[in-house]
Amino acid sequence: MNLPELKQYLHIDYDEDDLMLQSFQGVAQEYIKNSVGAIDIENQLYKLAESLLVGHWYENREVTRIGNNSYDLPYSFESIIYQLKYCYPVGDTT
C-alpha cells in the first residue's frame, strides 16, 4: 500500500505526519510478516491488516493511557491475521 492510499484510508489530508506514517507502515509490514510468514503484499487482506495496524498505532501514540490499562488491537485485525496465516500458502513474494 502506498502512502497516499494509506492516508486516504486514515482520512489524513495533511503531510506533517508522513514520516511517522511511513515508519509505522514499515513496522506494520514486519509485524505481519513475523505473525504469518511471507505473504503476497498485494493481497487485499494483507493491505487491510497493514492499514488497521498503522491506524491503531497512529491513534494510540502515547506511552500510557489514563483511565484504562491499554489500547487493544481491534478484533478484526486478529481475525485477518488468522486468515492470512492459515488460508494462504507461505511463499516469499515480498
PDB file of N, CA and C in Angstrom:
ATOM      1  N   MET A   1       0.855  -1.169   0.000  1.00  0.00           N
ATOM      2  CA  MET A   1       0.000   0.000   0.000  1.00  0.00           C
ATOM      3  C   MET A   1       0.899   1.228   0.000  1.00  0.00           C
ATOM      4  N   ASN A   2       0.613   2.142  -0.892  1.00  0.00           N
ATOM      5  CA  ASN A   2       1.439   3.351  -0.920  1.00  0.00           C
ATOM      6  C   ASN A   2       0.902   4.383   0.065  1.00  0.00           C
ATOM      7  N   LEU A   3       1.706   5.400   0.327  1.00  0.00           N
ATOM      8  CA  LEU A   3       1.363   6.400   1.335  1.00  0.00           C
ATOM      9  C   LEU A   3       0.055   7.132   1.026  1.00  0.00           C
ATOM     10  N   PRO A   4      -0.199   7.580  -0.198  1.00  0.00           N
ATOM     11  CA  PRO A   4      -1.482   8.247  -0.464  1.00  0.00           C
ATOM     12  C   PRO A   4      -2.701   7.352  -0.177  1.00  0.00           C
ATOM     13  N   GLU A   5      -2.598   6.056  -0.503  1.00  0.00           N
ATOM     14  CA  GLU A   5      -3.694   5.137  -0.202  1.00  0.00           C
ATOM     15  C   GLU A   5      -3.885   5.004   1.305  1.00  0.00           C
ATOM     16  N   LEU A   6      -2.786   4.892   2.035  1.00  0.00           N
ATOM     17  CA  LEU A   6      -2.850   4.784   3.484  1.00  0.00           C
ATOM     18  C   LEU A   6      -3.472   6.032   4.097  1.00  0.00           C
ATOM     19  N   LYS A   7      -3.040   7.193   3.637  1.00  0.00           N
ATOM     20  CA  LYS A   7      -3.590   8.438   4.162  1.00  0.00           C
ATOM     21  C   LYS A   7      -5.074   8.577   3.835  1.00  0.00           C
ATOM     22  N   GLN A   8      -5.469   8.120   2.671  1.00  0.00           N
ATOM     23  CA  GLN A   8      -6.890   8.160   2.311  1.00  0.00           C
ATOM     24  C   GLN A   8      -7.690   7.250   3.244  1.00  0.00           C
ATOM     25  N   TYR A   9      -7.179   6.052   3.499  1.00  0.00           N
ATOM     26  CA  TYR A   9      -7.846   5.121   4.408  1.00  0.00           C
ATOM     27  C   TYR A   9      -7.992   5.733   5.802  1.00  0.00           C
ATOM     28  N   LEU A  10      -6.952   6.431   6.256  1.00  0.00           N
ATOM     29  CA  LEU A  10      -6.945   7.019   7.597  1.00  0.00           C
ATOM     30  C   LEU A  10      -7.586   8.402   7.656  1.00  0.00           C
ATOM     31  N   HIS A  11      -8.042   8.913   6.530  1.00  0.00           N
ATOM     32  CA  HIS A  11      -8.648  10.254   6.440  1.00  0.00           C
ATOM     33  C   HIS A  11      -7.683  11.338   6.920  1.00  0.00           C
ATOM     34  N   ILE A  12      -6.451  11.268   6.446  1.00  0.00           N
ATOM     35  CA  ILE A  12      -5.422  12.259   6.765  1.00  0.00           C
ATOM     36  C   ILE A  12      -5.135  13.032   5.491  1.00  0.00           C
ATOM     37  N   ASP A  13      -5.367  14.342   5.528  1.00  0.00           N
ATOM     38  CA  ASP A  13      -5.185  15.147   4.307  1.00  0.00           C
ATOM     39  C   ASP A  13      -4.082  16.193   4.447  1.00  0.00           C
ATOM     40  N   TYR A  14      -3.158  15.976   5.363  1.00  0.00           N
ATOM     41  CA  TYR A  14      -2.018  16.872   5.534  1.00  0.00           C
ATOM     42  C   TYR A  14      -0.739  16.036   5.499  1.00  0.00           C
ATOM     43  N   ASP A  15       0.394  16.697   5.328  1.00  0.00           N
ATOM     44  CA  ASP A  15       1.663  15.995   5.108  1.00  0.00           C
ATOM     45  C   ASP A  15       2.581  15.959   6.328  1.00  0.00           C
ATOM     46  N   GLU A  16       2.219  16.613   7.412  1.00  0.00           N
ATOM     47  CA  GLU A  16       3.122  16.735   8.554  1.00  0.00           C
ATOM     48  C   GLU A  16       3.500  15.396   9.179  1.00  0.00           C
ATOM     49  N   ASP A  17       2.629  14.409   9.097  1.00  0.00           N
ATOM     50  CA  ASP A  17       2.889  13.124   9.740  1.00  0.00           C
ATOM     51  C   ASP A  17       3.345  12.036   8.765  1.00  0.00           C
ATOM     52  N   ASP A  18       3.733  12.403   7.565  1.00  0.00           N
ATOM     53  CA  ASP A  18       4.102  11.413   6.547  1.00  0.00           C
ATOM     54  C   ASP A  18       5.254  10.511   6.999  1.00  0.00           C
ATOM     55  N   LEU A  19       6.294  11.074   7.596  1.00  0.00           N
ATOM     56  CA  LEU A  19       7.425  10.260   8.042  1.00  0.00           C
ATOM     57  C   LEU A  19       7.008   9.279   9.133  1.00  0.00           C
ATOM     58  N   MET A  20       6.168   9.730  10.050  1.00  0.00           N
ATOM     59  CA  MET A  20       5.673   8.852  11.103  1.00  0.00           C
ATOM     60  C   MET A  20       4.834   7.718  10.510  1.00  0.00           C
ATOM     61  N   LEU A  21       3.958   8.061   9.560  1.00  0.00           N
ATOM     62  CA  LEU A  21       3.128   7.049   8.923  1.00  0.00           C
ATOM     63  C   LEU A  21       3.985   6.026   8.183  1.00  0.00           C
ATOM     64  N   GLN A  22       5.012   6.490   7.488  1.00  0.00           N
ATOM     65  CA  GLN A  22       5.900   5.571   6.775  1.00  0.00           C
ATOM     66  C   GLN A  22       6.650   4.673   7.749  1.00  0.00           C
ATOM     67  N   SER A  23       7.044   5.220   8.881  1.00  0.00           N
ATOM     68  CA  SER A  23       7.717   4.423   9.897  1.00  0.00           C
ATOM     69  C   SER A  23       6.770   3.356  10.451  1.00  0.00           C
ATOM     70  N   PHE A  24       5.556   3.763  10.802  1.00  0.00           N
ATOM     71  CA  PHE A  24       4.555   2.812  11.287  1.00  0.00           C
ATOM     72  C   PHE A  24       4.267   1.744  10.233  1.00  0.00           C
ATOM     73  N   GLN A  25       4.236   2.145   8.981  1.00  0.00           N
ATOM     74  CA  GLN A  25       3.941   1.212   7.902  1.00  0.00           C
ATOM     75  C   GLN A  25       5.044   0.154   7.792  1.00  0.00           C
ATOM     76  N   GLY A  26       6.289   0.578   7.875  1.00  0.00           N
ATOM     77  CA  GLY A  26       7.394  -0.380   7.816  1.00  0.00           C
ATOM     78  C   GLY A  26       7.352  -1.371   8.969  1.00  0.00           C
ATOM     79  N   VAL A  27       7.060  -0.866  10.159  1.00  0.00           N
ATOM     80  CA  VAL A  27       6.972  -1.741  11.322  1.00  0.00           C
ATOM     81  C   VAL A  27       5.758  -2.667  11.202  1.00  0.00           C
ATOM     82  N   ALA A  28       4.649  -2.163  10.685  1.00  0.00           N
ATOM     83  CA  ALA A  28       3.461  -2.993  10.487  1.00  0.00           C
ATOM     84  C   ALA A  28       3.756  -4.129   9.515  1.00  0.00           C
ATOM     85  N   GLN A  29       4.492  -3.848   8.463  1.00  0.00           N
ATOM     86  CA  GLN A  29       4.853  -4.890   7.498  1.00  0.00           C
ATOM     87  C   GLN A  29       5.692  -5.975   8.167  1.00  0.00           C
ATOM     88  N   GLU A  30       6.645  -5.578   8.997  1.00  0.00           N
ATOM     89  CA  GLU A  30       7.454  -6.550   9.729  1.00  0.00           C
ATOM     90  C   GLU A  30       6.604  -7.342  10.709  1.00  0.00           C
ATOM     91  N   TYR A  31       5.719  -6.648  11.406  1.00  0.00           N
ATOM     92  CA  TYR A  31       4.845  -7.283  12.398  1.00  0.00           C
ATOM     93  C   TYR A  31       4.003  -8.371  11.742  1.00  0.00           C
ATOM     94  N   ILE A  32       3.403  -8.046  10.609  1.00  0.00           N
ATOM     95  CA  ILE A  32       2.547  -9.010   9.913  1.00  0.00           C
ATOM     96  C   ILE A  32       3.373 -10.175   9.393  1.00  0.00           C
ATOM     97  N   LYS A  33       4.527  -9.886   8.819  1.00  0.00           N
ATOM     98  CA  LYS A  33       5.395 -10.960   8.311  1.00  0.00           C
ATOM     99  C   LYS A  33       5.825 -11.874   9.449  1.00  0.00           C
ATOM    100  N   ASN A  34       6.155 -11.312  10.614  1.00  0.00           N
ATOM    101  CA  ASN A  34       6.526 -12.120  11.772  1.00  0.00           C
ATOM    102  C   ASN A  34       5.353 -12.943  12.282  1.00  0.00           C
ATOM    103  N   SER A  35       4.136 -12.457  12.077  1.00  0.00           N
ATOM    104  CA  SER A  35       2.943 -13.153  12.555  1.00  0.00           C
ATOM    105  C   SER A  35       2.511 -14.283  11.638  1.00  0.00           C
ATOM    106  N   VAL A  36       2.666 -14.085  10.327  1.00  0.00           N
ATOM    107  CA  VAL A  36       2.107 -15.057   9.380  1.00  0.00           C
ATOM    108  C   VAL A  36       3.136 -15.686   8.457  1.00  0.00           C
ATOM    109  N   GLY A  37       4.327 -15.191   8.433  1.00  0.00           N
ATOM    110  CA  GLY A  37       5.317 -15.653   7.470  1.00  0.00           C
ATOM    111  C   GLY A  37       5.232 -14.781   6.224  1.00  0.00           C
ATOM    112  N   ALA A  38       5.973 -15.150   5.232  1.00  0.00           N
ATOM    113  CA  ALA A  38       5.979 -14.381   3.988  1.00  0.00           C
ATOM    114  C   ALA A  38       4.596 -14.448   3.347  1.00  0.00           C
ATOM    115  N   ILE A  39       4.128 -13.331   2.853  1.00  0.00           N
ATOM    116  CA  ILE A  39       2.790 -13.242   2.256  1.00  0.00           C
ATOM    117  C   ILE A  39       2.848 -12.274   1.088  1.00  0.00           C
ATOM    118  N   ASP A  40       1.990 -12.467   0.139  1.00  0.00           N
ATOM    119  CA  ASP A  40       1.884 -11.567  -1.010  1.00  0.00           C
ATOM    120  C   ASP A  40       1.403 -10.201  -0.526  1.00  0.00           C
ATOM    121  N   ILE A  41       2.236  -9.191  -0.684  1.00  0.00           N
ATOM    122  CA  ILE A  41       1.874  -7.859  -0.181  1.00  0.00           C
ATOM    123  C   ILE A  41       0.782  -7.201  -1.012  1.00  0.00           C
ATOM    124  N   GLU A  42       0.401  -7.804  -2.114  1.00  0.00           N
ATOM    125  CA  GLU A  42      -0.720  -7.290  -2.912  1.00  0.00           C
ATOM    126  C   GLU A  42      -2.044  -7.904  -2.472  1.00  0.00           C
ATOM    127  N   ASN A  43      -2.007  -8.852  -1.561  1.00  0.00           N
ATOM    128  CA  ASN A  43      -3.211  -9.475  -1.025  1.00  0.00           C
ATOM    129  C   ASN A  43      -4.045  -8.407  -0.318  1.00  0.00           C
ATOM    130  N   GLN A  44      -5.326  -8.370  -0.617  1.00  0.00           N
ATOM    131  CA  GLN A  44      -6.193  -7.330  -0.060  1.00  0.00           C
ATOM    132  C   GLN A  44      -6.323  -7.436   1.460  1.00  0.00           C
ATOM    133  N   LEU A  45      -6.353  -8.653   2.000  1.00  0.00           N
ATOM    134  CA  LEU A  45      -6.400  -8.801   3.456  1.00  0.00           C
ATOM    135  C   LEU A  45      -5.117  -8.288   4.098  1.00  0.00           C
ATOM    136  N   TYR A  46      -3.985  -8.527   3.437  1.00  0.00           N
ATOM    137  CA  TYR A  46      -2.711  -8.005   3.940  1.00  0.00           C
ATOM    138  C   TYR A  46      -2.764  -6.475   4.006  1.00  0.00           C
ATOM    139  N   LYS A  47      -3.237  -5.862   2.933  1.00  0.00           N
ATOM    140  CA  LYS A  47      -3.306  -4.401   2.893  1.00  0.00           C
ATOM    141  C   LYS A  47      -4.223  -3.858   3.983  1.00  0.00           C
ATOM    142  N   LEU A  48      -5.348  -4.552   4.219  1.00  0.00           N
ATOM    143  CA  LEU A  48      -6.268  -4.113   5.269  1.00  0.00           C
ATOM    144  C   LEU A  48      -5.624  -4.264   6.643  1.00  0.00           C
ATOM    145  N   ALA A  49      -4.951  -5.376   6.883  1.00  0.00           N
ATOM    146  CA  ALA A  49      -4.268  -5.577   8.163  1.00  0.00           C
ATOM    147  C   ALA A  49      -3.217  -4.495   8.388  1.00  0.00           C
ATOM    148  N   GLU A  50      -2.460  -4.186   7.343  1.00  0.00           N
ATOM    149  CA  GLU A  50      -1.444  -3.130   7.435  1.00  0.00           C
ATOM    150  C   GLU A  50      -2.092  -1.793   7.786  1.00  0.00           C
ATOM    151  N   SER A  51      -3.183  -1.473   7.129  1.00  0.00           N
ATOM    152  CA  SER A  51      -3.884  -0.210   7.381  1.00  0.00           C
ATOM    153  C   SER A  51      -4.441  -0.147   8.794  1.00  0.00           C
ATOM    154  N   LEU A  52      -5.039  -1.245   9.248  1.00  0.00           N
ATOM    155  CA  LEU A  52      -5.594  -1.285  10.604  1.00  0.00           C
ATOM    156  C   LEU A  52      -4.503  -1.096  11.651  1.00  0.00           C
ATOM    157  N   LEU A  53      -3.371  -1.748  11.448  1.00  0.00           N
ATOM    158  CA  LEU A  53      -2.289  -1.659  12.414  1.00  0.00           C
ATOM    159  C   LEU A  53      -1.673  -0.263  12.433  1.00  0.00           C
ATOM    160  N   VAL A  54      -1.424   0.309  11.267  1.00  0.00           N
ATOM    161  CA  VAL A  54      -0.884   1.671  11.204  1.00  0.00           C
ATOM    162  C   VAL A  54      -1.870   2.646  11.838  1.00  0.00           C
ATOM    163  N   GLY A  55      -3.144   2.511  11.524  1.00  0.00           N
ATOM    164  CA  GLY A  55      -4.163   3.388  12.109  1.00  0.00           C
ATOM    165  C   GLY A  55      -4.220   3.265  13.618  1.00  0.00           C
ATOM    166  N   HIS A  56      -4.115   2.046  14.115  1.00  0.00           N
ATOM    167  CA  HIS A  56      -4.138   1.828  15.566  1.00  0.00           C
ATOM    168  C   HIS A  56      -2.948   2.516  16.231  1.00  0.00           C
ATOM    169  N   TRP A  57      -1.765   2.312  15.672  1.00  0.00           N
ATOM    170  CA  TRP A  57      -0.573   2.930  16.260  1.00  0.00           C
ATOM    171  C   TRP A  57      -0.599   4.452  16.112  1.00  0.00           C
ATOM    172  N   TYR A  58      -1.127   4.940  15.013  1.00  0.00           N
ATOM    173  CA  TYR A  58      -1.189   6.387  14.792  1.00  0.00           C
ATOM    174  C   TYR A  58      -2.123   7.042  15.811  1.00  0.00           C
ATOM    175  N   GLU A  59      -3.236   6.397  16.081  1.00  0.00           N
ATOM    176  CA  GLU A  59      -4.221   6.967  17.009  1.00  0.00           C
ATOM    177  C   GLU A  59      -3.835   6.767  18.473  1.00  0.00           C
ATOM    178  N   ASN A  60      -2.922   5.850  18.761  1.00  0.00           N
ATOM    179  CA  ASN A  60      -2.568   5.499  20.134  1.00  0.00           C
ATOM    180  C   ASN A  60      -1.066   5.634  20.338  1.00  0.00           C
ATOM    181  N   ARG A  61      -0.555   6.845  20.164  1.00  0.00           N
ATOM    182  CA  ARG A  61       0.898   7.073  20.212  1.00  0.00           C
ATOM    183  C   ARG A  61       1.450   7.282  21.601  1.00  0.00           C
ATOM    184  N   GLU A  62       0.633   7.588  22.574  1.00  0.00           N
ATOM    185  CA  GLU A  62       1.165   7.867  23.903  1.00  0.00           C
ATOM    186  C   GLU A  62       1.592   6.581  24.590  1.00  0.00           C
ATOM    187  N   VAL A  63       2.517   6.709  25.535  1.00  0.00           N
ATOM    188  CA  VAL A  63       3.067   5.557  26.230  1.00  0.00           C
ATOM    189  C   VAL A  63       2.076   5.010  27.244  1.00  0.00           C
ATOM    190  N   THR A  64       1.366   5.893  27.920  1.00  0.00           N
ATOM    191  CA  THR A  64       0.394   5.456  28.919  1.00  0.00           C
ATOM    192  C   THR A  64      -0.968   6.032  28.590  1.00  0.00           C
ATOM    193  N   ARG A  65      -1.967   5.414  29.160  1.00  0.00           N
ATOM    194  CA  ARG A  65      -3.344   5.854  28.944  1.00  0.00           C
ATOM    195  C   ARG A  65      -4.010   6.026  30.297  1.00  0.00           C
ATOM    196  N   ILE A  66      -4.578   7.165  30.549  1.00  0.00           N
ATOM    197  CA  ILE A  66      -5.258   7.430  31.811  1.00  0.00           C
ATOM    198  C   ILE A  66      -6.680   6.886  31.707  1.00  0.00           C
ATOM    199  N   GLY A  67      -7.069   6.090  32.682  1.00  0.00           N
ATOM    200  CA  GLY A  67      -8.433   5.587  32.722  1.00  0.00           C
ATOM    201  C   GLY A  67      -8.568   4.133  32.326  1.00  0.00           C
ATOM    202  N   ASN A  68      -7.740   3.646  31.456  1.00  0.00           N
ATOM    203  CA  ASN A  68      -7.753   2.242  31.047  1.00  0.00           C
ATOM    204  C   ASN A  68      -6.325   1.729  31.037  1.00  0.00           C
ATOM    205  N   ASN A  69      -6.182   0.420  31.131  1.00  0.00           N
ATOM    206  CA  ASN A  69      -4.844  -0.161  31.185  1.00  0.00           C
ATOM    207  C   ASN A  69      -4.102  -0.110  29.866  1.00  0.00           C
ATOM    208  N   SER A  70      -4.797  -0.353  28.763  1.00  0.00           N
ATOM    209  CA  SER A  70      -4.101  -0.399  27.485  1.00  0.00           C
ATOM    210  C   SER A  70      -5.090  -0.246  26.351  1.00  0.00           C
ATOM    211  N   TYR A  71      -4.545  -0.014  25.188  1.00  0.00           N
ATOM    212  CA  TYR A  71      -5.330   0.004  23.964  1.00  0.00           C
ATOM    213  C   TYR A  71      -5.175  -1.357  23.302  1.00  0.00           C
ATOM    214  N   ASP A  72      -6.253  -2.040  23.118  1.00  0.00           N
ATOM    215  CA  ASP A  72      -6.187  -3.330  22.447  1.00  0.00           C
ATOM    216  C   ASP A  72      -6.300  -3.142  20.942  1.00  0.00           C
ATOM    217  N   LEU A  73      -5.623  -4.036  20.220  1.00  0.00           N
ATOM    218  CA  LEU A  73      -5.792  -4.052  18.775  1.00  0.00           C
ATOM    219  C   LEU A  73      -7.225  -4.486  18.468  1.00  0.00           C
ATOM    220  N   PRO A  74      -7.787  -3.965  17.407  1.00  0.00           N
ATOM    221  CA  PRO A  74      -9.150  -4.370  17.057  1.00  0.00           C
ATOM    222  C   PRO A  74      -9.230  -5.874  16.778  1.00  0.00           C
ATOM    223  N   TYR A  75     -10.343  -6.494  17.162  1.00  0.00           N
ATOM    224  CA  TYR A  75     -10.543  -7.915  16.904  1.00  0.00           C
ATOM    225  C   TYR A  75     -10.434  -8.215  15.412  1.00  0.00           C
ATOM    226  N   SER A  76     -10.899  -7.294  14.584  1.00  0.00           N
ATOM    227  CA  SER A  76     -10.844  -7.524  13.140  1.00  0.00           C
ATOM    228  C   SER A  76      -9.404  -7.750  12.674  1.00  0.00           C
ATOM    229  N   PHE A  77      -8.438  -7.077  13.288  1.00  0.00           N
ATOM    230  CA  PHE A  77      -7.035  -7.277  12.929  1.00  0.00           C
ATOM    231  C   PHE A  77      -6.609  -8.711  13.235  1.00  0.00           C
ATOM    232  N   GLU A  78      -6.939  -9.188  14.430  1.00  0.00           N
ATOM    233  CA  GLU A  78      -6.582 -10.556  14.793  1.00  0.00           C
ATOM    234  C   GLU A  78      -7.222 -11.566  13.848  1.00  0.00           C
ATOM    235  N   SER A  79      -8.461 -11.342  13.489  1.00  0.00           N
ATOM    236  CA  SER A  79      -9.163 -12.233  12.576  1.00  0.00           C
ATOM    237  C   SER A  79      -8.478 -12.275  11.207  1.00  0.00           C
ATOM    238  N   ILE A  80      -8.070 -11.126  10.713  1.00  0.00           N
ATOM    239  CA  ILE A  80      -7.374 -11.064   9.424  1.00  0.00           C
ATOM    240  C   ILE A  80      -6.036 -11.791   9.503  1.00  0.00           C
ATOM    241  N   ILE A  81      -5.306 -11.613  10.601  1.00  0.00           N
ATOM    242  CA  ILE A  81      -4.021 -12.291  10.774  1.00  0.00           C
ATOM    243  C   ILE A  81      -4.216 -13.810  10.735  1.00  0.00           C
ATOM    244  N   TYR A  82      -5.252 -14.305  11.413  1.00  0.00           N
ATOM    245  CA  TYR A  82      -5.524 -15.746  11.376  1.00  0.00           C
ATOM    246  C   TYR A  82      -5.809 -16.216   9.953  1.00  0.00           C
ATOM    247  N   GLN A  83      -6.584 -15.466   9.216  1.00  0.00           N
ATOM    248  CA  GLN A  83      -6.882 -15.851   7.833  1.00  0.00           C
ATOM    249  C   GLN A  83      -5.623 -15.835   6.976  1.00  0.00           C
ATOM    250  N   LEU A  84      -4.818 -14.792   7.117  1.00  0.00           N
ATOM    251  CA  LEU A  84      -3.575 -14.733   6.342  1.00  0.00           C
ATOM    252  C   LEU A  84      -2.657 -15.905   6.688  1.00  0.00           C
ATOM    253  N   LYS A  85      -2.634 -16.255   7.950  1.00  0.00           N
ATOM    254  CA  LYS A  85      -1.732 -17.308   8.410  1.00  0.00           C
ATOM    255  C   LYS A  85      -2.165 -18.688   7.929  1.00  0.00           C
ATOM    256  N   TYR A  86      -3.470 -18.943   7.925  1.00  0.00           N
ATOM    257  CA  TYR A  86      -3.935 -20.294   7.687  1.00  0.00           C
ATOM    258  C   TYR A  86      -4.609 -20.518   6.333  1.00  0.00           C
ATOM    259  N   CYS A  87      -4.933 -19.466   5.617  1.00  0.00           N
ATOM    260  CA  CYS A  87      -5.669 -19.632   4.358  1.00  0.00           C
ATOM    261  C   CYS A  87      -4.836 -19.403   3.103  1.00  0.00           C
ATOM    262  N   TYR A  88      -3.614 -18.943   3.273  1.00  0.00           N
ATOM    263  CA  TYR A  88      -2.785 -18.643   2.103  1.00  0.00           C
ATOM    264  C   TYR A  88      -1.468 -19.387   2.213  1.00  0.00           C
ATOM    265  N   PRO A  89      -0.997 -19.944   1.107  1.00  0.00           N
ATOM    266  CA  PRO A  89       0.281 -20.677   1.171  1.00  0.00           C
ATOM    267  C   PRO A  89       1.427 -19.714   1.460  1.00  0.00           C
ATOM    268  N   VAL A  90       2.376 -20.229   2.202  1.00  0.00           N
ATOM    269  CA  VAL A  90       3.555 -19.427   2.543  1.00  0.00           C
ATOM    270  C   VAL A  90       4.482 -19.409   1.335  1.00  0.00           C
ATOM    271  N   GLY A  91       4.886 -18.217   0.960  1.00  0.00           N
ATOM    272  CA  GLY A  91       5.818 -18.054  -0.138  1.00  0.00           C
ATOM    273  C   GLY A  91       6.337 -16.634  -0.120  1.00  0.00           C
ATOM    274  N   ASP A  92       7.617 -16.462  -0.178  1.00  0.00           N
ATOM    275  CA  ASP A  92       8.186 -15.128  -0.073  1.00  0.00           C
ATOM    276  C   ASP A  92       8.028 -14.389  -1.384  1.00  0.00           C
ATOM    277  N   THR A  93       7.023 -13.495  -1.442  1.00  0.00           N
ATOM    278  CA  THR A  93       6.799 -12.694  -2.638  1.00  0.00           C
ATOM    279  C   THR A  93       6.997 -11.223  -2.352  1.00  0.00           C
ATOM    280  N   THR A  94       7.596 -10.930  -1.195  1.00  0.00           N
ATOM    281  CA  THR A  94       7.824  -9.528  -0.834  1.00  0.00           C
ATOM    282  C   THR A  94       9.046  -8.976  -1.495  1.00  0.00           C
TER     283      THR A  94
END
